[in-house]
Amino acid sequence: MKAFAIAAIAATALTLTACGENLGKGQPLNVVSGHIVMGATDDRPAVGYFRIEGGPQPVQLVAVTADLAQRVEMHESVRENGMMTMKPLARADVPAKGELVFKQGGKHLMIWGINGAAVRAGKLPMAFVFTNNNNERILFDMVIKPAEGAAGGEAAMDHDAMGHGEDKAADAKK
């Protein structure tokens, strides 16, 4: 019984030590919400939206990856010459104690070729890569939602017209 009590005290001390590592440092960097909207057809990319709460130091989101998708890219919708267009993003700032939001009409993920098993499971495990601590990775399961109706919204947007289908167009001409 005495050995059990000593082991329990040691385990409690280790747990409290681990909890104490963040004392006084503030809220840790964290992906707090997110979802994916499937493309209207199988050949259209899905779109991902999420929110990240910044930790005590400013960082940059430099990549989002998914083993169960063929390709994931960060993009931003911008207005140029009176027209909405999309541009790839190499990184996005996460302010200290602030937030980074990827939402419809702004920054968003483009996700091609999501594995059917992930779609059936209703979630896609993703890794968010940041510029701190040797490219810290935060794992987060993004909920997968069915395609929105054809009326408006980014899910219905013709991404091929914005240069995302150039590879397919070049392959079709061969």
Protein backbone atom coordinates (compact mmCIF):
# COMPACT_ATOMS: atom_id res chain seq x y z
CA MET A 1 0.00 0.00 0.00
CA LYS A 2 2.87 2.34 0.87
CA ALA A 3 4.45 1.80 -2.58
CA PHE A 4 1.13 2.62 -4.24
CA ALA A 5 0.81 5.88 -2.27
CA ILE A 6 4.35 6.94 -3.23
CA ALA A 7 3.65 6.15 -6.90
CA ALA A 8 0.39 8.14 -6.77
CA ILE A 9 2.14 11.15 -5.22
CA ALA A 10 4.92 10.97 -7.84
CA ALA A 11 2.39 10.80 -10.69
CA THR A 12 0.48 13.77 -9.26
CA ALA A 13 3.70 15.79 -8.94
CA LEU A 14 4.64 15.07 -12.57
CA THR A 15 1.17 16.07 -13.75
CA LEU A 16 1.26 19.34 -11.82
CA THR A 17 4.77 20.07 -13.13
CA ALA A 18 3.57 19.60 -16.72
CA CYS A 19 0.58 21.88 -16.07
CA GLY A 20 2.85 24.50 -14.54
CA GLU A 21 4.96 24.83 -17.69
CA ASN A 22 2.38 27.23 -19.17
CA LEU A 23 1.69 29.20 -15.98
CA GLY A 24 2.01 32.93 -16.60
CA LYS A 25 2.55 32.47 -20.34
CA GLY A 26 -1.07 33.04 -21.35
CA GLN A 27 -3.28 31.17 -23.77
CA PRO A 28 -1.38 28.68 -25.97
CA LEU A 29 -1.52 28.84 -29.77
CA ASN A 30 -4.51 26.72 -30.82
CA VAL A 31 -6.78 25.82 -33.74
CA VAL A 32 -10.19 26.25 -32.11
CA SER A 33 -12.71 25.59 -34.89
CA GLY A 34 -12.95 24.67 -38.53
CA HIS A 35 -14.83 22.90 -41.27
CA ILE A 36 -14.57 21.91 -44.92
CA VAL A 37 -17.25 22.39 -47.57
CA MET A 38 -17.03 19.83 -50.35
CA GLY A 39 -16.97 20.99 -53.98
CA ALA A 40 -20.22 20.94 -55.92
CA THR A 41 -18.88 18.07 -58.06
CA ASP A 42 -16.13 15.50 -57.51
CA ASP A 43 -13.74 17.36 -59.82
CA ARG A 44 -14.05 20.63 -57.84
CA PRO A 45 -11.83 21.32 -54.84
CA ALA A 46 -13.26 21.55 -51.35
CA VAL A 47 -12.91 24.76 -49.35
CA GLY A 48 -11.68 24.93 -45.76
CA TYR A 49 -12.39 27.55 -43.11
CA PHE A 50 -11.00 27.73 -39.57
CA ARG A 51 -10.07 29.95 -36.63
CA ILE A 52 -6.77 30.02 -34.77
CA GLU A 53 -6.26 31.74 -31.42
CA GLY A 54 -2.80 33.23 -31.06
CA GLY A 55 -0.54 32.35 -28.18
CA PRO A 56 1.78 34.62 -26.21
CA GLN A 57 4.06 35.29 -29.22
CA PRO A 58 3.18 36.27 -32.80
CA VAL A 59 3.74 33.45 -35.30
CA GLN A 60 2.97 32.69 -38.92
CA LEU A 61 0.96 29.82 -40.33
CA VAL A 62 3.16 28.51 -43.15
CA ALA A 63 1.30 25.39 -44.27
CA VAL A 64 -1.72 23.19 -43.74
CA THR A 65 -1.34 19.56 -44.75
CA ALA A 66 -3.54 16.48 -44.88
CA ASP A 67 -2.32 12.94 -45.52
CA LEU A 68 -5.80 12.01 -46.79
CA ALA A 69 -5.93 14.70 -49.49
CA GLN A 70 -3.95 15.04 -52.73
CA ARG A 71 -3.20 18.74 -52.23
CA VAL A 72 -3.94 21.56 -49.77
CA GLU A 73 -3.22 25.22 -50.53
CA MET A 74 -3.79 28.45 -48.62
CA HIS A 75 -5.49 31.17 -50.70
CA GLU A 76 -6.94 34.64 -50.27
CA SER A 77 -9.83 36.21 -52.16
CA VAL A 78 -8.98 39.76 -53.20
CA ARG A 79 -10.63 42.44 -55.29
CA GLU A 80 -8.50 43.62 -58.21
CA ASN A 81 -9.73 45.94 -60.95
CA GLY A 82 -13.30 45.52 -59.75
CA MET A 83 -13.16 41.71 -59.95
CA MET A 84 -12.79 39.09 -57.24
CA THR A 85 -9.83 36.81 -57.74
CA MET A 86 -7.80 34.41 -55.64
CA LYS A 87 -4.12 34.41 -54.88
CA PRO A 88 -2.07 31.73 -53.16
CA LEU A 89 -0.77 32.56 -49.68
CA ALA A 90 2.70 31.48 -48.59
CA ARG A 91 2.02 32.41 -44.95
CA ALA A 92 -0.54 34.10 -42.73
CA ASP A 93 0.12 36.07 -39.54
CA VAL A 94 -1.27 34.89 -36.22
CA PRO A 95 -0.98 37.84 -33.81
CA ALA A 96 -0.02 37.27 -30.20
CA LYS A 97 -3.21 36.85 -28.14
CA GLY A 98 -5.21 37.63 -31.30
CA GLU A 99 -6.75 35.43 -33.95
CA LEU A 100 -6.37 34.35 -37.55
CA VAL A 101 -9.62 33.56 -39.34
CA PHE A 102 -9.94 31.78 -42.67
CA LYS A 103 -13.50 32.50 -43.81
CA GLN A 104 -15.66 32.77 -46.90
CA GLY A 105 -14.71 35.80 -48.98
CA GLY A 106 -11.23 36.06 -47.45
CA LYS A 107 -8.43 33.68 -46.59
CA HIS A 108 -9.37 30.03 -47.11
CA LEU A 109 -7.99 26.58 -47.90
CA MET A 110 -8.38 24.86 -51.26
CA ILE A 111 -8.35 21.07 -50.82
CA TRP A 112 -8.14 18.67 -53.76
CA GLY A 113 -8.77 14.93 -53.79
CA ILE A 114 -10.02 14.19 -50.27
CA ASN A 115 -9.91 10.46 -49.61
CA GLY A 116 -13.36 8.84 -49.75
CA ALA A 117 -12.89 7.24 -46.34
CA ALA A 118 -12.37 10.69 -44.78
CA VAL A 119 -15.48 12.00 -46.54
CA ARG A 120 -17.54 9.05 -45.27
CA ALA A 121 -16.13 9.56 -41.75
CA GLY A 122 -17.13 13.23 -41.95
CA LYS A 123 -13.72 14.59 -40.92
CA LEU A 124 -10.28 15.25 -42.37
CA PRO A 125 -7.28 15.16 -40.01
CA MET A 126 -5.06 18.15 -40.82
CA ALA A 127 -1.71 19.46 -39.58
CA PHE A 128 -1.27 23.23 -39.17
CA VAL A 129 2.42 24.22 -39.41
CA PHE A 130 3.72 27.39 -37.73
CA THR A 131 7.03 29.29 -37.66
CA ASN A 132 7.63 28.78 -33.94
CA ASN A 133 9.44 25.97 -32.12
CA ASN A 134 11.02 24.51 -35.24
CA ASN A 135 7.78 24.62 -37.24
CA GLU A 136 5.34 23.51 -34.53
CA ARG A 137 2.47 21.40 -35.85
CA ILE A 138 -1.03 21.41 -34.41
CA LEU A 139 -3.26 18.50 -35.41
CA PHE A 140 -6.95 19.27 -35.86
CA ASP A 141 -9.82 17.25 -37.37
CA MET A 142 -11.79 19.43 -39.79
CA VAL A 143 -15.47 18.48 -40.03
CA ILE A 144 -16.52 17.78 -43.63
CA LYS A 145 -19.83 19.27 -44.78
CA PRO A 146 -21.61 18.50 -48.07
CA ALA A 147 -21.43 20.95 -50.97
CA GLU A 148 -23.48 24.10 -50.56
CA GLY A 149 -26.18 24.91 -53.10
CA ALA A 150 -25.11 26.19 -56.49
CA ALA A 151 -26.26 29.71 -55.61
CA GLY A 152 -23.26 31.85 -54.64
CA GLY A 153 -20.59 31.22 -52.08
CA GLU A 154 -17.06 30.01 -52.52
CA ALA A 155 -18.10 26.38 -52.81
CA ALA A 156 -19.90 27.29 -56.03
CA MET A 157 -17.14 29.60 -57.27
CA ASP A 158 -15.46 28.47 -60.52
CA HIS A 159 -11.91 27.96 -59.31
CA ASP A 160 -10.80 26.74 -62.75
CA ALA A 161 -11.55 30.22 -64.11
CA MET A 162 -9.11 31.60 -61.56
CA GLY A 163 -6.18 29.54 -62.79
CA HIS A 164 -6.61 26.55 -60.48
CA GLY A 165 -7.51 24.23 -63.34
CA GLU A 166 -4.55 25.07 -65.56
CA ASP A 167 -3.01 21.64 -64.98
CA LYS A 168 -6.22 19.91 -66.07
CA ALA A 169 -6.61 22.18 -69.11
CA ALA A 170 -3.01 21.49 -70.20
CA ASP A 171 -3.50 17.73 -69.71
CA ALA A 172 -6.73 17.79 -71.75
CA LYS A 173 -4.93 19.43 -74.71
CA LYS A 174 -2.30 16.65 -74.85
